[in-house]
Amino acid sequence: MLAVDIAHNDAPWAEWERLLRRALSATVSLSDDQLLLIRDLQGRSFRPREPAPGVVPRIGAVLIVLYPDAADLRLLLTVRSNRVASHRGEVSLPGGAADPDDDGPAATALRECAEELGIAPDAVTVLGTLTPVYILPSNFRITPVVGLLRTLPHFTINHHEVDRVITVTLRELLDPALVVVERWTLHGHEVLVPYFAIAGYKVWGATALILSELTARMRIARIAYNAEAS
């Protein structure tokens, strides 16, 4: 989705918004090596990209919501409560299943973020979307939506779904040192699991995959911008 409105040029974080818009509007082809994918010990992707034949996935969306923090933009993540049906205690992006009345992924993501965190949908400027991701354990195909708050968020956390909120700046997220790879046993298989180490949490799985696409796109956009400026 192409972003349509104009960055606030006088804001200290305006360069980040411009970089985001460029990253989201560009047509790029990312290799698996640019993404944080769970792999087997031979380096092959362990993650199914599509449901098994005959399986119809549920449709949903998540919101990558950013807000100003001085000269940075800060990204919100939620720690799921132990009351939800799946992915308990894991770090995720606010989001959930599409409702029949939702007008596309952005409407789903904004509605779900409002339900989980109390952020009003009309306060968020939608900048674009990323590649849909299939999640096997919950049989969801989710579309990541990127949105921007121009002021500090005021939370009303739904503690039935969300235990707490953690954050990371885009500057930190782009630092390769934030990525760690560990050897885990998943479903009886030895695998290599890459994750973002954020606020004492391991951000892995679908959330890591989504954020790694965002960072890969931003790195490509930054290289193109610097090449044009030189």
C-alpha atoms as a PDB file:
ATOM      1  CA  MET A   1       0.000   0.000   0.000  1.00  0.00           C
ATOM      2  CA  LEU A   2       1.382   3.406  -0.966  1.00  0.00           C
ATOM      3  CA  ALA A   3       1.509   6.053   1.744  1.00  0.00           C
ATOM      4  CA  VAL A   4      -0.377   9.167   0.728  1.00  0.00           C
ATOM      5  CA  ASP A   5       0.043  12.023   3.185  1.00  0.00           C
ATOM      6  CA  ILE A   6       3.069  14.209   3.808  1.00  0.00           C
ATOM      7  CA  ALA A   7       5.669  13.835   6.570  1.00  0.00           C
ATOM      8  CA  HIS A   8       5.990  16.656   9.061  1.00  0.00           C
ATOM      9  CA  ASN A   9       9.247  18.144   7.793  1.00  0.00           C
ATOM     10  CA  ASP A  10       9.910  20.178  10.928  1.00  0.00           C
ATOM     11  CA  ALA A  11       9.548  17.271  13.372  1.00  0.00           C
ATOM     12  CA  PRO A  12      12.808  15.896  14.830  1.00  0.00           C
ATOM     13  CA  TRP A  13      11.689  12.399  13.803  1.00  0.00           C
ATOM     14  CA  ALA A  14      10.707  13.423  10.250  1.00  0.00           C
ATOM     15  CA  GLU A  15      13.646  11.587   8.655  1.00  0.00           C
ATOM     16  CA  TRP A  16      12.404   8.327  10.140  1.00  0.00           C
ATOM     17  CA  GLU A  17       8.942   8.901   8.722  1.00  0.00           C
ATOM     18  CA  ARG A  18      10.364   9.640   5.288  1.00  0.00           C
ATOM     19  CA  LEU A  19      12.499   6.495   5.453  1.00  0.00           C
ATOM     20  CA  LEU A  20       9.473   4.433   6.486  1.00  0.00           C
ATOM     21  CA  ARG A  21       7.355   5.773   3.646  1.00  0.00           C
ATOM     22  CA  ARG A  22      10.065   5.041   1.136  1.00  0.00           C
ATOM     23  CA  ALA A  23      10.602   1.547   2.538  1.00  0.00           C
ATOM     24  CA  LEU A  24       6.895   0.718   2.380  1.00  0.00           C
ATOM     25  CA  SER A  25       6.234   2.139  -1.074  1.00  0.00           C
ATOM     26  CA  ALA A  26       9.206   0.491  -2.799  1.00  0.00           C
ATOM     27  CA  THR A  27       8.849  -2.797  -4.684  1.00  0.00           C
ATOM     28  CA  VAL A  28      11.565  -5.083  -3.347  1.00  0.00           C
ATOM     29  CA  SER A  29      12.294  -8.792  -3.437  1.00  0.00           C
ATOM     30  CA  LEU A  30      13.721 -10.023  -0.146  1.00  0.00           C
ATOM     31  CA  SER A  31      15.668 -13.244   0.182  1.00  0.00           C
ATOM     32  CA  ASP A  32      15.212 -15.639   3.099  1.00  0.00           C
ATOM     33  CA  ASP A  33      18.656 -14.585   4.329  1.00  0.00           C
ATOM     34  CA  GLN A  34      17.283 -11.088   4.996  1.00  0.00           C
ATOM     35  CA  LEU A  35      14.487 -12.399   7.209  1.00  0.00           C
ATOM     36  CA  LEU A  36      14.438 -13.892  10.703  1.00  0.00           C
ATOM     37  CA  LEU A  37      13.165 -17.371   9.858  1.00  0.00           C
ATOM     38  CA  ILE A  38      13.298 -20.420  12.093  1.00  0.00           C
ATOM     39  CA  ARG A  39      15.576 -22.937  10.372  1.00  0.00           C
ATOM     40  CA  ASP A  40      16.585 -26.543  10.773  1.00  0.00           C
ATOM     41  CA  LEU A  41      20.193 -27.361  11.580  1.00  0.00           C
ATOM     42  CA  GLN A  42      20.981 -27.512   7.851  1.00  0.00           C
ATOM     43  CA  GLY A  43      19.827 -23.912   7.453  1.00  0.00           C
ATOM     44  CA  ARG A  44      16.534 -24.672   5.693  1.00  0.00           C
ATOM     45  CA  SER A  45      13.428 -22.711   6.627  1.00  0.00           C
ATOM     46  CA  PHE A  46      11.362 -24.581   9.206  1.00  0.00           C
ATOM     47  CA  ARG A  47       8.350 -22.312   8.792  1.00  0.00           C
ATOM     48  CA  PRO A  48       5.453 -23.224   6.455  1.00  0.00           C
ATOM     49  CA  ARG A  49       4.608 -20.248   4.253  1.00  0.00           C
ATOM     50  CA  GLU A  50       1.110 -21.538   3.385  1.00  0.00           C
ATOM     51  CA  PRO A  51      -1.465 -23.802   5.033  1.00  0.00           C
ATOM     52  CA  ALA A  52      -1.622 -27.473   4.142  1.00  0.00           C
ATOM     53  CA  PRO A  53      -3.751 -28.403   1.127  1.00  0.00           C
ATOM     54  CA  GLY A  54      -7.430 -28.190   1.987  1.00  0.00           C
ATOM     55  CA  VAL A  55      -6.863 -26.042   5.086  1.00  0.00           C
ATOM     56  CA  VAL A  56      -8.571 -22.636   4.962  1.00  0.00           C
ATOM     57  CA  PRO A  57      -6.748 -20.118   7.167  1.00  0.00           C
ATOM     58  CA  ARG A  58      -8.466 -17.517   9.275  1.00  0.00           C
ATOM     59  CA  ILE A  59      -7.833 -13.951   8.155  1.00  0.00           C
ATOM     60  CA  GLY A  60      -6.408 -11.306  10.463  1.00  0.00           C
ATOM     61  CA  ALA A  61      -4.132  -8.303  10.752  1.00  0.00           C
ATOM     62  CA  VAL A  62      -1.635  -6.786  13.170  1.00  0.00           C
ATOM     63  CA  LEU A  63      -0.545  -3.202  13.679  1.00  0.00           C
ATOM     64  CA  ILE A  64       3.029  -1.966  13.805  1.00  0.00           C
ATOM     65  CA  VAL A  65       2.260   1.274  15.600  1.00  0.00           C
ATOM     66  CA  LEU A  66       4.995   3.892  16.023  1.00  0.00           C
ATOM     67  CA  TYR A  67       5.091   7.155  17.926  1.00  0.00           C
ATOM     68  CA  PRO A  68       7.614  10.007  18.353  1.00  0.00           C
ATOM     69  CA  ASP A  69      10.372   9.776  20.925  1.00  0.00           C
ATOM     70  CA  ALA A  70      12.579  12.876  20.499  1.00  0.00           C
ATOM     71  CA  ALA A  71      14.527  12.273  17.268  1.00  0.00           C
ATOM     72  CA  ASP A  72      13.391   8.642  17.040  1.00  0.00           C
ATOM     73  CA  LEU A  73      10.223   6.718  16.379  1.00  0.00           C
ATOM     74  CA  ARG A  74       9.319   4.101  18.988  1.00  0.00           C
ATOM     75  CA  LEU A  75       7.484   0.872  18.228  1.00  0.00           C
ATOM     76  CA  LEU A  76       4.901  -0.797  20.491  1.00  0.00           C
ATOM     77  CA  LEU A  77       4.834  -4.512  21.266  1.00  0.00           C
ATOM     78  CA  THR A  78       2.493  -6.402  23.571  1.00  0.00           C
ATOM     79  CA  VAL A  79       3.195  -9.277  25.928  1.00  0.00           C
ATOM     80  CA  ARG A  80       0.204 -11.583  25.628  1.00  0.00           C
ATOM     81  CA  SER A  81      -1.588 -12.534  28.821  1.00  0.00           C
ATOM     82  CA  ASN A  82      -2.035 -16.062  30.126  1.00  0.00           C
ATOM     83  CA  ARG A  83      -5.789 -15.782  29.560  1.00  0.00           C
ATOM     84  CA  VAL A  84      -5.713 -15.869  25.756  1.00  0.00           C
ATOM     85  CA  ALA A  85      -6.267 -19.057  23.782  1.00  0.00           C
ATOM     86  CA  SER A  86      -2.899 -19.174  22.001  1.00  0.00           C
ATOM     87  CA  HIS A  87       0.652 -17.765  22.129  1.00  0.00           C
ATOM     88  CA  ARG A  88       0.370 -17.103  25.878  1.00  0.00           C
ATOM     89  CA  GLY A  89       3.178 -14.997  27.324  1.00  0.00           C
ATOM     90  CA  GLU A  90       4.698 -14.349  23.908  1.00  0.00           C
ATOM     91  CA  VAL A  91       5.556 -10.928  22.523  1.00  0.00           C
ATOM     92  CA  SER A  92       3.341  -9.912  19.641  1.00  0.00           C
ATOM     93  CA  LEU A  93       1.971  -6.969  17.733  1.00  0.00           C
ATOM     94  CA  PRO A  94      -1.556  -5.769  18.577  1.00  0.00           C
ATOM     95  CA  GLY A  95      -4.013  -7.436  16.254  1.00  0.00           C
ATOM     96  CA  GLY A  96      -6.408 -10.293  15.698  1.00  0.00           C
ATOM     97  CA  ALA A  97      -9.088 -11.801  13.514  1.00  0.00           C
ATOM     98  CA  ALA A  98     -10.958  -9.859  10.857  1.00  0.00           C
ATOM     99  CA  ASP A  99     -14.626  -9.056  11.456  1.00  0.00           C
ATOM    100  CA  PRO A 100     -17.118  -9.211   8.584  1.00  0.00           C
ATOM    101  CA  ASP A 101     -17.660  -5.449   8.902  1.00  0.00           C
ATOM    102  CA  ASP A 102     -13.944  -4.602   8.640  1.00  0.00           C
ATOM    103  CA  ASP A 103     -13.020  -2.739   5.466  1.00  0.00           C
ATOM    104  CA  GLY A 104      -9.733  -4.526   4.841  1.00  0.00           C
ATOM    105  CA  PRO A 105      -6.603  -5.290   6.916  1.00  0.00           C
ATOM    106  CA  ALA A 106      -6.048  -1.710   8.099  1.00  0.00           C
ATOM    107  CA  ALA A 107      -9.523  -1.564   9.626  1.00  0.00           C
ATOM    108  CA  THR A 108      -8.926  -4.895  11.381  1.00  0.00           C
ATOM    109  CA  ALA A 109      -5.533  -3.838  12.743  1.00  0.00           C
ATOM    110  CA  LEU A 110      -6.781  -0.457  13.973  1.00  0.00           C
ATOM    111  CA  ARG A 111      -9.881  -1.957  15.605  1.00  0.00           C
ATOM    112  CA  GLU A 112      -7.884  -4.661  17.358  1.00  0.00           C
ATOM    113  CA  CYS A 113      -5.288  -2.154  18.583  1.00  0.00           C
ATOM    114  CA  ALA A 114      -8.100  -0.022  20.018  1.00  0.00           C
ATOM    115  CA  GLU A 115      -9.540  -3.074  21.790  1.00  0.00           C
ATOM    116  CA  GLU A 116      -6.182  -4.157  23.223  1.00  0.00           C
ATOM    117  CA  LEU A 117      -4.511  -0.829  23.998  1.00  0.00           C
ATOM    118  CA  GLY A 118      -7.229   1.831  23.810  1.00  0.00           C
ATOM    119  CA  ILE A 119      -5.557   3.715  20.945  1.00  0.00           C
ATOM    120  CA  ALA A 120      -8.233   5.447  18.860  1.00  0.00           C
ATOM    121  CA  PRO A 121      -8.168   4.360  15.201  1.00  0.00           C
ATOM    122  CA  ASP A 122      -8.527   7.931  13.943  1.00  0.00           C
ATOM    123  CA  ALA A 123      -5.347   8.898  15.816  1.00  0.00           C
ATOM    124  CA  VAL A 124      -3.257   6.556  13.646  1.00  0.00           C
ATOM    125  CA  THR A 125      -1.991   7.448  10.167  1.00  0.00           C
ATOM    126  CA  VAL A 126      -1.674   4.259   8.112  1.00  0.00           C
ATOM    127  CA  LEU A 127       1.614   4.314   6.188  1.00  0.00           C
ATOM    128  CA  GLY A 128       1.443   0.967   4.411  1.00  0.00           C
ATOM    129  CA  THR A 129       1.444  -2.809   4.736  1.00  0.00           C
ATOM    130  CA  LEU A 130       3.955  -5.654   4.686  1.00  0.00           C
ATOM    131  CA  THR A 131       3.807  -9.188   3.301  1.00  0.00           C
ATOM    132  CA  PRO A 132       1.044 -11.359   4.797  1.00  0.00           C
ATOM    133  CA  VAL A 133       2.343 -14.105   7.113  1.00  0.00           C
ATOM    134  CA  TYR A 134       0.862 -17.555   7.765  1.00  0.00           C
ATOM    135  CA  ILE A 135       0.897 -18.724  11.402  1.00  0.00           C
ATOM    136  CA  LEU A 136       0.541 -22.491  11.670  1.00  0.00           C
ATOM    137  CA  PRO A 137      -0.337 -22.973  15.385  1.00  0.00           C
ATOM    138  CA  SER A 138      -3.375 -20.667  15.191  1.00  0.00           C
ATOM    139  CA  ASN A 139      -4.038 -21.147  11.438  1.00  0.00           C
ATOM    140  CA  PHE A 140      -4.055 -17.404  10.735  1.00  0.00           C
ATOM    141  CA  ARG A 141      -2.933 -15.503   7.677  1.00  0.00           C
ATOM    142  CA  ILE A 142      -2.210 -12.013   8.980  1.00  0.00           C
ATOM    143  CA  THR A 143      -1.404  -8.783   7.171  1.00  0.00           C
ATOM    144  CA  PRO A 144       0.995  -6.447   9.001  1.00  0.00           C
ATOM    145  CA  VAL A 145      -0.160  -2.811   8.832  1.00  0.00           C
ATOM    146  CA  VAL A 146       2.231   0.043   9.663  1.00  0.00           C
ATOM    147  CA  GLY A 147       0.767   3.093  11.377  1.00  0.00           C
ATOM    148  CA  LEU A 148       2.049   6.312  12.932  1.00  0.00           C
ATOM    149  CA  LEU A 149       0.864   8.256  15.974  1.00  0.00           C
ATOM    150  CA  ARG A 150       2.055  11.855  15.921  1.00  0.00           C
ATOM    151  CA  THR A 151       1.767  12.254  19.695  1.00  0.00           C
ATOM    152  CA  LEU A 152       2.558  10.076  22.706  1.00  0.00           C
ATOM    153  CA  PRO A 153       0.068   7.242  23.128  1.00  0.00           C
ATOM    154  CA  HIS A 154      -2.277   7.038  26.100  1.00  0.00           C
ATOM    155  CA  PHE A 155      -2.957   3.400  26.928  1.00  0.00           C
ATOM    156  CA  THR A 156      -6.022   1.710  28.288  1.00  0.00           C
ATOM    157  CA  ILE A 157      -4.693  -1.841  28.381  1.00  0.00           C
ATOM    158  CA  ASN A 158      -7.119  -4.732  28.084  1.00  0.00           C
ATOM    159  CA  HIS A 159      -5.481  -7.055  30.604  1.00  0.00           C
ATOM    160  CA  HIS A 160      -7.544 -10.019  29.483  1.00  0.00           C
ATOM    161  CA  GLU A 161      -5.464 -10.014  26.290  1.00  0.00           C
ATOM    162  CA  VAL A 162      -2.339  -8.006  27.147  1.00  0.00           C
ATOM    163  CA  ASP A 163      -0.116  -8.422  30.189  1.00  0.00           C
ATOM    164  CA  ARG A 164       2.129  -5.443  29.448  1.00  0.00           C
ATOM    165  CA  VAL A 165       3.548  -3.195  26.726  1.00  0.00           C
ATOM    166  CA  ILE A 166       7.213  -3.058  25.751  1.00  0.00           C
ATOM    167  CA  THR A 167       8.830  -0.711  23.241  1.00  0.00           C
ATOM    168  CA  VAL A 168      11.881  -0.339  21.013  1.00  0.00           C
ATOM    169  CA  THR A 169      13.054   2.522  18.805  1.00  0.00           C
ATOM    170  CA  LEU A 170      13.571   2.052  15.090  1.00  0.00           C
ATOM    171  CA  ARG A 171      17.211   3.011  15.625  1.00  0.00           C
ATOM    172  CA  GLU A 172      17.611   0.125  18.080  1.00  0.00           C
ATOM    173  CA  LEU A 173      15.648  -2.280  15.901  1.00  0.00           C
ATOM    174  CA  LEU A 174      18.003  -1.632  12.984  1.00  0.00           C
ATOM    175  CA  ASP A 175      21.060  -2.520  15.091  1.00  0.00           C
ATOM    176  CA  PRO A 176      22.215  -6.051  14.093  1.00  0.00           C
ATOM    177  CA  ALA A 177      23.399  -6.570  17.680  1.00  0.00           C
ATOM    178  CA  LEU A 178      19.744  -6.808  18.741  1.00  0.00           C
ATOM    179  CA  VAL A 179      19.394 -10.124  16.878  1.00  0.00           C
ATOM    180  CA  VAL A 180      20.325 -13.355  18.666  1.00  0.00           C
ATOM    181  CA  VAL A 181      20.156 -16.933  17.324  1.00  0.00           C
ATOM    182  CA  GLU A 182      19.663 -19.877  19.686  1.00  0.00           C
ATOM    183  CA  ARG A 183      19.251 -23.618  19.283  1.00  0.00           C
ATOM    184  CA  TRP A 184      15.816 -24.716  20.526  1.00  0.00           C
ATOM    185  CA  THR A 185      13.708 -27.866  20.440  1.00  0.00           C
ATOM    186  CA  LEU A 186      10.333 -27.157  18.794  1.00  0.00           C
ATOM    187  CA  HIS A 187       7.743 -29.867  18.189  1.00  0.00           C
ATOM    188  CA  GLY A 188      10.438 -32.495  18.708  1.00  0.00           C
ATOM    189  CA  HIS A 189      12.869 -30.931  16.207  1.00  0.00           C
ATOM    190  CA  GLU A 190      16.195 -29.223  16.863  1.00  0.00           C
ATOM    191  CA  VAL A 191      16.029 -25.821  15.187  1.00  0.00           C
ATOM    192  CA  LEU A 192      17.827 -22.489  15.038  1.00  0.00           C
ATOM    193  CA  VAL A 193      15.596 -19.688  16.305  1.00  0.00           C
ATOM    194  CA  PRO A 194      16.502 -16.047  15.577  1.00  0.00           C
ATOM    195  CA  TYR A 195      14.934 -13.378  17.727  1.00  0.00           C
ATOM    196  CA  PHE A 196      15.109  -9.712  18.635  1.00  0.00           C
ATOM    197  CA  ALA A 197      16.251  -9.249  22.246  1.00  0.00           C
ATOM    198  CA  ILE A 198      13.983  -6.425  23.437  1.00  0.00           C
ATOM    199  CA  ALA A 199      13.415  -5.289  27.027  1.00  0.00           C
ATOM    200  CA  GLY A 200      14.443  -8.675  28.412  1.00  0.00           C
ATOM    201  CA  TYR A 201      12.099 -10.576  26.068  1.00  0.00           C
ATOM    202  CA  LYS A 202      12.782 -12.862  23.116  1.00  0.00           C
ATOM    203  CA  VAL A 203      10.728 -11.572  20.175  1.00  0.00           C
ATOM    204  CA  TRP A 204      10.611 -14.561  17.821  1.00  0.00           C
ATOM    205  CA  GLY A 205       8.332 -16.409  15.423  1.00  0.00           C
ATOM    206  CA  ALA A 206       5.879 -14.464  13.274  1.00  0.00           C
ATOM    207  CA  THR A 207       6.574 -11.188  15.082  1.00  0.00           C
ATOM    208  CA  ALA A 208      10.310 -11.463  14.412  1.00  0.00           C
ATOM    209  CA  LEU A 209       9.613 -12.332  10.772  1.00  0.00           C
ATOM    210  CA  ILE A 210       7.393  -9.269  10.353  1.00  0.00           C
ATOM    211  CA  LEU A 211       9.846  -6.913  12.044  1.00  0.00           C
ATOM    212  CA  SER A 212      12.738  -8.320  10.028  1.00  0.00           C
ATOM    213  CA  GLU A 213      10.906  -7.521   6.794  1.00  0.00           C
ATOM    214  CA  LEU A 214      10.404  -3.975   8.048  1.00  0.00           C
ATOM    215  CA  THR A 215      14.084  -3.554   8.945  1.00  0.00           C
ATOM    216  CA  ALA A 216      15.252  -5.139   5.674  1.00  0.00           C
ATOM    217  CA  ARG A 217      13.077  -2.740   3.693  1.00  0.00           C
ATOM    218  CA  MET A 218      14.359   0.215   5.714  1.00  0.00           C
ATOM    219  CA  ARG A 219      17.993  -0.755   5.124  1.00  0.00           C
ATOM    220  CA  ILE A 220      17.371  -0.967   1.385  1.00  0.00           C
ATOM    221  CA  ALA A 221      15.591   2.392   1.437  1.00  0.00           C
ATOM    222  CA  ARG A 222      18.445   3.982   3.388  1.00  0.00           C
ATOM    223  CA  ILE A 223      21.051   2.708   0.902  1.00  0.00           C
ATOM    224  CA  ALA A 224      19.021   4.106  -2.009  1.00  0.00           C
ATOM    225  CA  TYR A 225      18.566   7.444  -0.247  1.00  0.00           C
ATOM    226  CA  ASN A 226      22.275   7.754   0.539  1.00  0.00           C
ATOM    227  CA  ALA A 227      23.178   6.857  -3.055  1.00  0.00           C
ATOM    228  CA  GLU A 228      20.912   9.605  -4.368  1.00  0.00           C
ATOM    229  CA  ALA A 229      22.305  12.133  -1.898  1.00  0.00           C
ATOM    230  CA  SER A 230      25.960  11.425  -2.753  1.00  0.00           C
END
